[in-house]
Amino acid sequence: MLGGRLPSEDAPGVGQYVSRAIQVAESNAKVAMVDGNWVRILHRVFSDEWMADYRYDPRLQRLAQSMVEGATDSRSLNWAILDMGATICLPRKPLCPQCPIASLCETGSLSQIQRSL
């Protein structure tokens, strides 16, 4: 805490992800903790291209935020997406057969087609 307040993105050394992670952990705030895992999952599911620095991509930020706002428990949703990106929706060799949303995903659909050939 900085002077009794949670740090914001404006605090030295605190970026968007850290600021949002603190907000979610402390008060279950309805903010998306967008990191590389979030971006990879959104890209694969929605088949869209994002700016190189996702922190400043307004479309990606709006999409992630809309998902969190629709969730009953934003903390659980954030952690589920982070965990899924770290363990199943891997950057190089995604484990599509284990993915609970593979049917919604272009990468998962392609994986299913390749397995059936």
N, C-alpha and C. Protein backbone atom coordinates (compact mmCIF):
# COMPACT_ATOMS: atom_id res chain seq x y z
N MET A 1 0.84 -1.17 0.00
CA MET A 1 0.00 0.00 0.00
C MET A 1 0.89 1.24 0.00
N LEU A 2 0.40 2.24 -0.66
CA LEU A 2 1.12 3.50 -0.74
C LEU A 2 0.28 4.55 -0.04
N GLY A 3 0.68 4.95 1.14
CA GLY A 3 -0.08 5.96 1.88
C GLY A 3 -1.50 5.50 2.19
N GLY A 4 -1.66 4.20 2.47
CA GLY A 4 -2.98 3.67 2.79
C GLY A 4 -3.84 3.35 1.58
N ARG A 5 -3.28 3.53 0.38
CA ARG A 5 -4.02 3.25 -0.85
C ARG A 5 -3.31 2.16 -1.64
N LEU A 6 -4.11 1.40 -2.40
CA LEU A 6 -3.51 0.41 -3.28
C LEU A 6 -2.79 1.12 -4.41
N PRO A 7 -1.65 0.57 -4.87
CA PRO A 7 -0.93 1.23 -5.95
C PRO A 7 -1.73 1.16 -7.25
N SER A 8 -1.59 2.20 -8.05
CA SER A 8 -2.25 2.23 -9.36
C SER A 8 -1.17 2.15 -10.43
N GLU A 9 -1.61 2.13 -11.66
CA GLU A 9 -0.66 2.09 -12.77
C GLU A 9 0.25 3.31 -12.78
N ASP A 10 -0.17 4.37 -12.12
CA ASP A 10 0.63 5.59 -12.09
C ASP A 10 1.78 5.52 -11.08
N ALA A 11 1.73 4.58 -10.16
CA ALA A 11 2.79 4.46 -9.15
C ALA A 11 4.07 3.94 -9.82
N PRO A 12 5.21 4.43 -9.39
CA PRO A 12 6.48 3.97 -9.97
C PRO A 12 6.63 2.46 -9.83
N GLY A 13 6.97 1.81 -10.94
CA GLY A 13 7.22 0.37 -10.92
C GLY A 13 5.97 -0.49 -10.93
N VAL A 14 4.81 0.12 -11.00
CA VAL A 14 3.56 -0.64 -11.01
C VAL A 14 2.91 -0.48 -12.38
N GLY A 15 2.78 -1.58 -13.08
CA GLY A 15 2.16 -1.55 -14.39
C GLY A 15 0.70 -1.98 -14.33
N GLN A 16 0.11 -2.07 -15.50
CA GLN A 16 -1.30 -2.43 -15.62
C GLN A 16 -1.61 -3.78 -14.97
N TYR A 17 -0.82 -4.80 -15.28
CA TYR A 17 -1.10 -6.13 -14.76
C TYR A 17 -1.01 -6.17 -13.23
N VAL A 18 0.05 -5.63 -12.67
CA VAL A 18 0.22 -5.65 -11.21
C VAL A 18 -0.89 -4.87 -10.53
N SER A 19 -1.20 -3.71 -11.06
CA SER A 19 -2.27 -2.89 -10.49
C SER A 19 -3.60 -3.65 -10.49
N ARG A 20 -3.91 -4.27 -11.60
CA ARG A 20 -5.17 -5.01 -11.70
C ARG A 20 -5.16 -6.27 -10.84
N ALA A 21 -4.02 -6.95 -10.78
CA ALA A 21 -3.92 -8.14 -9.94
C ALA A 21 -4.18 -7.79 -8.47
N ILE A 22 -3.65 -6.68 -8.03
CA ILE A 22 -3.87 -6.24 -6.65
C ILE A 22 -5.35 -5.92 -6.43
N GLN A 23 -5.96 -5.22 -7.38
CA GLN A 23 -7.38 -4.89 -7.26
C GLN A 23 -8.24 -6.15 -7.17
N VAL A 24 -7.93 -7.13 -8.01
CA VAL A 24 -8.71 -8.38 -8.01
C VAL A 24 -8.48 -9.14 -6.71
N ALA A 25 -7.23 -9.24 -6.28
CA ALA A 25 -6.93 -9.98 -5.05
C ALA A 25 -7.53 -9.33 -3.82
N GLU A 26 -7.47 -8.02 -3.75
CA GLU A 26 -7.96 -7.31 -2.57
C GLU A 26 -9.47 -7.21 -2.49
N SER A 27 -10.12 -6.95 -3.64
CA SER A 27 -11.55 -6.65 -3.55
C SER A 27 -12.39 -7.36 -4.61
N ASN A 28 -11.80 -8.34 -5.31
CA ASN A 28 -12.51 -9.04 -6.38
C ASN A 28 -13.05 -8.04 -7.40
N ALA A 29 -12.27 -7.00 -7.67
CA ALA A 29 -12.68 -5.97 -8.62
C ALA A 29 -12.93 -6.58 -9.98
N LYS A 30 -13.87 -6.03 -10.70
CA LYS A 30 -14.22 -6.53 -12.03
C LYS A 30 -13.31 -5.88 -13.07
N VAL A 31 -12.05 -6.30 -13.03
CA VAL A 31 -11.05 -5.86 -14.01
C VAL A 31 -10.34 -7.09 -14.55
N ALA A 32 -9.95 -7.03 -15.82
CA ALA A 32 -9.26 -8.15 -16.45
C ALA A 32 -7.76 -8.02 -16.22
N MET A 33 -7.16 -9.08 -15.70
CA MET A 33 -5.71 -9.13 -15.48
C MET A 33 -5.05 -9.62 -16.77
N VAL A 34 -5.07 -8.78 -17.79
CA VAL A 34 -4.62 -9.19 -19.12
C VAL A 34 -3.11 -9.37 -19.14
N ASP A 35 -2.71 -10.56 -19.53
CA ASP A 35 -1.29 -10.88 -19.74
C ASP A 35 -1.19 -11.72 -21.00
N GLY A 36 -0.04 -12.30 -21.24
CA GLY A 36 0.14 -13.11 -22.45
C GLY A 36 -0.80 -14.29 -22.54
N ASN A 37 -1.15 -14.89 -21.41
CA ASN A 37 -2.10 -16.01 -21.42
C ASN A 37 -3.48 -15.56 -21.89
N TRP A 38 -3.96 -14.46 -21.34
CA TRP A 38 -5.25 -13.90 -21.77
C TRP A 38 -5.22 -13.64 -23.28
N VAL A 39 -4.17 -12.97 -23.74
CA VAL A 39 -4.06 -12.59 -25.15
C VAL A 39 -4.08 -13.82 -26.04
N ARG A 40 -3.32 -14.84 -25.68
CA ARG A 40 -3.26 -16.06 -26.49
C ARG A 40 -4.63 -16.73 -26.58
N ILE A 41 -5.34 -16.82 -25.47
CA ILE A 41 -6.67 -17.46 -25.48
C ILE A 41 -7.65 -16.63 -26.29
N LEU A 42 -7.68 -15.33 -26.08
CA LEU A 42 -8.59 -14.48 -26.85
C LEU A 42 -8.27 -14.54 -28.34
N HIS A 43 -7.00 -14.53 -28.67
CA HIS A 43 -6.60 -14.61 -30.08
C HIS A 43 -7.07 -15.92 -30.70
N ARG A 44 -6.88 -17.02 -30.01
CA ARG A 44 -7.26 -18.32 -30.58
C ARG A 44 -8.77 -18.50 -30.65
N VAL A 45 -9.48 -18.01 -29.68
CA VAL A 45 -10.94 -18.16 -29.68
C VAL A 45 -11.59 -17.22 -30.68
N PHE A 46 -11.16 -15.97 -30.70
CA PHE A 46 -11.80 -14.97 -31.54
C PHE A 46 -11.08 -14.75 -32.87
N SER A 47 -9.95 -15.43 -33.09
CA SER A 47 -9.20 -15.35 -34.35
C SER A 47 -9.01 -13.92 -34.81
N ASP A 48 -8.50 -13.11 -33.94
CA ASP A 48 -8.29 -11.70 -34.26
C ASP A 48 -6.84 -11.35 -33.98
N GLU A 49 -6.37 -10.34 -34.64
CA GLU A 49 -5.01 -9.86 -34.42
C GLU A 49 -5.05 -8.68 -33.46
N TRP A 50 -4.04 -8.59 -32.63
CA TRP A 50 -3.95 -7.52 -31.64
C TRP A 50 -2.69 -6.71 -31.90
N MET A 51 -2.66 -5.56 -31.28
CA MET A 51 -1.44 -4.74 -31.35
C MET A 51 -0.30 -5.48 -30.65
N ALA A 52 0.92 -5.12 -31.00
CA ALA A 52 2.08 -5.79 -30.40
C ALA A 52 2.09 -5.63 -28.88
N ASP A 53 1.73 -4.46 -28.39
CA ASP A 53 1.68 -4.24 -26.95
C ASP A 53 0.21 -4.25 -26.52
N TYR A 54 -0.24 -5.39 -26.05
CA TYR A 54 -1.66 -5.59 -25.73
C TYR A 54 -2.17 -4.66 -24.63
N ARG A 55 -1.29 -4.09 -23.84
CA ARG A 55 -1.74 -3.18 -22.79
C ARG A 55 -2.45 -1.96 -23.37
N TYR A 56 -2.11 -1.63 -24.61
CA TYR A 56 -2.67 -0.42 -25.23
C TYR A 56 -3.63 -0.73 -26.38
N ASP A 57 -3.99 -1.99 -26.54
CA ASP A 57 -4.93 -2.36 -27.61
C ASP A 57 -6.36 -2.21 -27.10
N PRO A 58 -7.08 -1.19 -27.55
CA PRO A 58 -8.41 -0.93 -26.99
C PRO A 58 -9.41 -2.06 -27.27
N ARG A 59 -9.33 -2.71 -28.44
CA ARG A 59 -10.27 -3.80 -28.73
C ARG A 59 -10.06 -4.97 -27.79
N LEU A 60 -8.82 -5.37 -27.62
CA LEU A 60 -8.53 -6.49 -26.73
C LEU A 60 -8.91 -6.16 -25.29
N GLN A 61 -8.58 -4.97 -24.84
CA GLN A 61 -8.91 -4.58 -23.47
C GLN A 61 -10.43 -4.57 -23.25
N ARG A 62 -11.19 -4.06 -24.24
CA ARG A 62 -12.66 -4.04 -24.12
C ARG A 62 -13.22 -5.45 -24.08
N LEU A 63 -12.70 -6.34 -24.93
CA LEU A 63 -13.18 -7.72 -24.97
C LEU A 63 -12.90 -8.42 -23.64
N ALA A 64 -11.68 -8.30 -23.14
CA ALA A 64 -11.33 -8.92 -21.86
C ALA A 64 -12.19 -8.33 -20.74
N GLN A 65 -12.35 -7.02 -20.75
CA GLN A 65 -13.14 -6.38 -19.70
C GLN A 65 -14.60 -6.83 -19.75
N SER A 66 -15.16 -6.99 -20.95
CA SER A 66 -16.56 -7.42 -21.05
C SER A 66 -16.74 -8.83 -20.51
N MET A 67 -15.73 -9.67 -20.68
CA MET A 67 -15.81 -11.03 -20.12
C MET A 67 -15.83 -10.98 -18.60
N VAL A 68 -14.98 -10.15 -18.02
CA VAL A 68 -14.90 -10.05 -16.57
C VAL A 68 -16.17 -9.43 -15.99
N GLU A 69 -16.68 -8.41 -16.66
CA GLU A 69 -17.89 -7.75 -16.16
C GLU A 69 -19.08 -8.69 -16.15
N GLY A 70 -19.10 -9.65 -17.06
CA GLY A 70 -20.20 -10.62 -17.11
C GLY A 70 -20.04 -11.78 -16.14
N ALA A 71 -18.91 -11.85 -15.47
CA ALA A 71 -18.64 -12.96 -14.55
C ALA A 71 -19.21 -12.70 -13.17
N THR A 72 -19.65 -13.75 -12.52
CA THR A 72 -20.12 -13.65 -11.15
C THR A 72 -18.94 -13.40 -10.20
N ASP A 73 -17.83 -14.05 -10.47
CA ASP A 73 -16.64 -13.95 -9.62
C ASP A 73 -15.44 -13.64 -10.51
N SER A 74 -15.08 -12.36 -10.58
CA SER A 74 -14.00 -11.97 -11.49
C SER A 74 -12.66 -12.57 -11.08
N ARG A 75 -12.44 -12.77 -9.80
CA ARG A 75 -11.18 -13.37 -9.34
C ARG A 75 -11.05 -14.78 -9.92
N SER A 76 -12.11 -15.57 -9.81
CA SER A 76 -12.06 -16.94 -10.33
C SER A 76 -11.89 -16.97 -11.85
N LEU A 77 -12.58 -16.08 -12.55
CA LEU A 77 -12.44 -16.03 -14.01
C LEU A 77 -11.02 -15.66 -14.40
N ASN A 78 -10.46 -14.63 -13.79
CA ASN A 78 -9.09 -14.23 -14.10
C ASN A 78 -8.12 -15.38 -13.86
N TRP A 79 -8.21 -16.03 -12.71
CA TRP A 79 -7.29 -17.12 -12.41
C TRP A 79 -7.51 -18.31 -13.32
N ALA A 80 -8.76 -18.58 -13.69
CA ALA A 80 -9.03 -19.70 -14.60
C ALA A 80 -8.37 -19.46 -15.96
N ILE A 81 -8.49 -18.25 -16.47
CA ILE A 81 -7.88 -17.93 -17.77
C ILE A 81 -6.36 -17.98 -17.68
N LEU A 82 -5.82 -17.40 -16.61
CA LEU A 82 -4.36 -17.44 -16.43
C LEU A 82 -3.87 -18.88 -16.33
N ASP A 83 -4.57 -19.70 -15.54
CA ASP A 83 -4.17 -21.11 -15.38
C ASP A 83 -4.31 -21.90 -16.68
N MET A 84 -5.41 -21.68 -17.39
CA MET A 84 -5.61 -22.40 -18.64
C MET A 84 -4.53 -22.03 -19.65
N GLY A 85 -4.16 -20.77 -19.71
CA GLY A 85 -3.11 -20.35 -20.62
C GLY A 85 -1.75 -20.89 -20.24
N ALA A 86 -1.53 -21.11 -18.96
CA ALA A 86 -0.23 -21.60 -18.49
C ALA A 86 -0.11 -23.13 -18.56
N THR A 87 -1.24 -23.83 -18.58
CA THR A 87 -1.18 -25.29 -18.51
C THR A 87 -1.78 -26.02 -19.71
N ILE A 88 -2.72 -25.41 -20.42
CA ILE A 88 -3.40 -26.09 -21.53
C ILE A 88 -3.20 -25.35 -22.85
N CYS A 89 -3.51 -24.09 -22.87
CA CYS A 89 -3.43 -23.29 -24.10
C CYS A 89 -2.02 -22.73 -24.21
N LEU A 90 -1.08 -23.64 -24.39
CA LEU A 90 0.33 -23.29 -24.40
C LEU A 90 0.72 -22.59 -25.70
N PRO A 91 1.75 -21.76 -25.67
CA PRO A 91 2.13 -20.99 -26.87
C PRO A 91 2.51 -21.87 -28.07
N ARG A 92 3.28 -22.91 -27.84
CA ARG A 92 3.81 -23.69 -28.97
C ARG A 92 3.06 -24.98 -29.23
N LYS A 93 2.70 -25.69 -28.20
CA LYS A 93 2.00 -26.97 -28.38
C LYS A 93 0.79 -27.01 -27.45
N PRO A 94 -0.30 -26.34 -27.86
CA PRO A 94 -1.48 -26.35 -26.99
C PRO A 94 -2.04 -27.76 -26.84
N LEU A 95 -2.57 -28.03 -25.68
CA LEU A 95 -3.16 -29.34 -25.38
C LEU A 95 -4.67 -29.29 -25.64
N CYS A 96 -5.01 -29.11 -26.89
CA CYS A 96 -6.41 -28.89 -27.28
C CYS A 96 -7.36 -30.00 -26.82
N PRO A 97 -6.98 -31.28 -26.84
CA PRO A 97 -7.92 -32.31 -26.38
C PRO A 97 -8.32 -32.14 -24.90
N GLN A 98 -7.50 -31.47 -24.12
CA GLN A 98 -7.80 -31.25 -22.71
C GLN A 98 -8.52 -29.94 -22.44
N CYS A 99 -8.70 -29.13 -23.47
CA CYS A 99 -9.24 -27.79 -23.30
C CYS A 99 -10.76 -27.80 -23.20
N PRO A 100 -11.32 -27.16 -22.18
CA PRO A 100 -12.77 -27.14 -22.02
C PRO A 100 -13.48 -26.25 -23.04
N ILE A 101 -12.76 -25.40 -23.75
CA ILE A 101 -13.41 -24.54 -24.75
C ILE A 101 -12.85 -24.78 -26.15
N ALA A 102 -12.28 -25.95 -26.40
CA ALA A 102 -11.68 -26.25 -27.71
C ALA A 102 -12.68 -26.11 -28.84
N SER A 103 -13.94 -26.41 -28.60
CA SER A 103 -14.94 -26.32 -29.67
C SER A 103 -15.22 -24.88 -30.08
N LEU A 104 -14.86 -23.92 -29.23
CA LEU A 104 -15.06 -22.50 -29.55
C LEU A 104 -13.86 -21.88 -30.24
N CYS A 105 -12.82 -22.65 -30.37
CA CYS A 105 -11.51 -22.12 -30.73
C CYS A 105 -11.05 -22.62 -32.09
N GLU A 106 -10.53 -21.72 -32.90
CA GLU A 106 -10.03 -22.11 -34.22
C GLU A 106 -8.87 -23.09 -34.08
N THR A 107 -7.96 -22.86 -33.16
CA THR A 107 -6.83 -23.76 -32.96
C THR A 107 -7.33 -25.13 -32.50
N GLY A 108 -8.29 -25.15 -31.59
CA GLY A 108 -8.85 -26.41 -31.11
C GLY A 108 -9.59 -27.15 -32.20
N SER A 109 -10.32 -26.43 -33.04
CA SER A 109 -11.04 -27.06 -34.16
C SER A 109 -10.08 -27.68 -35.15
N LEU A 110 -9.00 -26.99 -35.47
CA LEU A 110 -7.99 -27.54 -36.37
C LEU A 110 -7.34 -28.78 -35.77
N SER A 111 -7.12 -28.76 -34.47
CA SER A 111 -6.53 -29.90 -33.78
C SER A 111 -7.44 -31.12 -33.89
N GLN A 112 -8.75 -30.91 -33.75
CA GLN A 112 -9.71 -32.01 -33.85
C GLN A 112 -9.73 -32.58 -35.26
N ILE A 113 -9.64 -31.72 -36.26
CA ILE A 113 -9.63 -32.19 -37.65
C ILE A 113 -8.37 -33.01 -37.90
N GLN A 114 -7.23 -32.54 -37.44
CA GLN A 114 -5.97 -33.28 -37.66
C GLN A 114 -6.00 -34.64 -36.98
N ARG A 115 -6.60 -34.74 -35.80
CA ARG A 115 -6.66 -36.02 -35.10
C ARG A 115 -7.56 -37.02 -35.83
N SER A 116 -8.57 -36.52 -36.55
CA SER A 116 -9.51 -37.41 -37.23
C SER A 116 -8.97 -37.90 -38.56
N LEU A 117 -7.91 -37.30 -39.09
CA LEU A 117 -7.36 -37.72 -40.38
C LEU A 117 -6.54 -38.98 -40.28
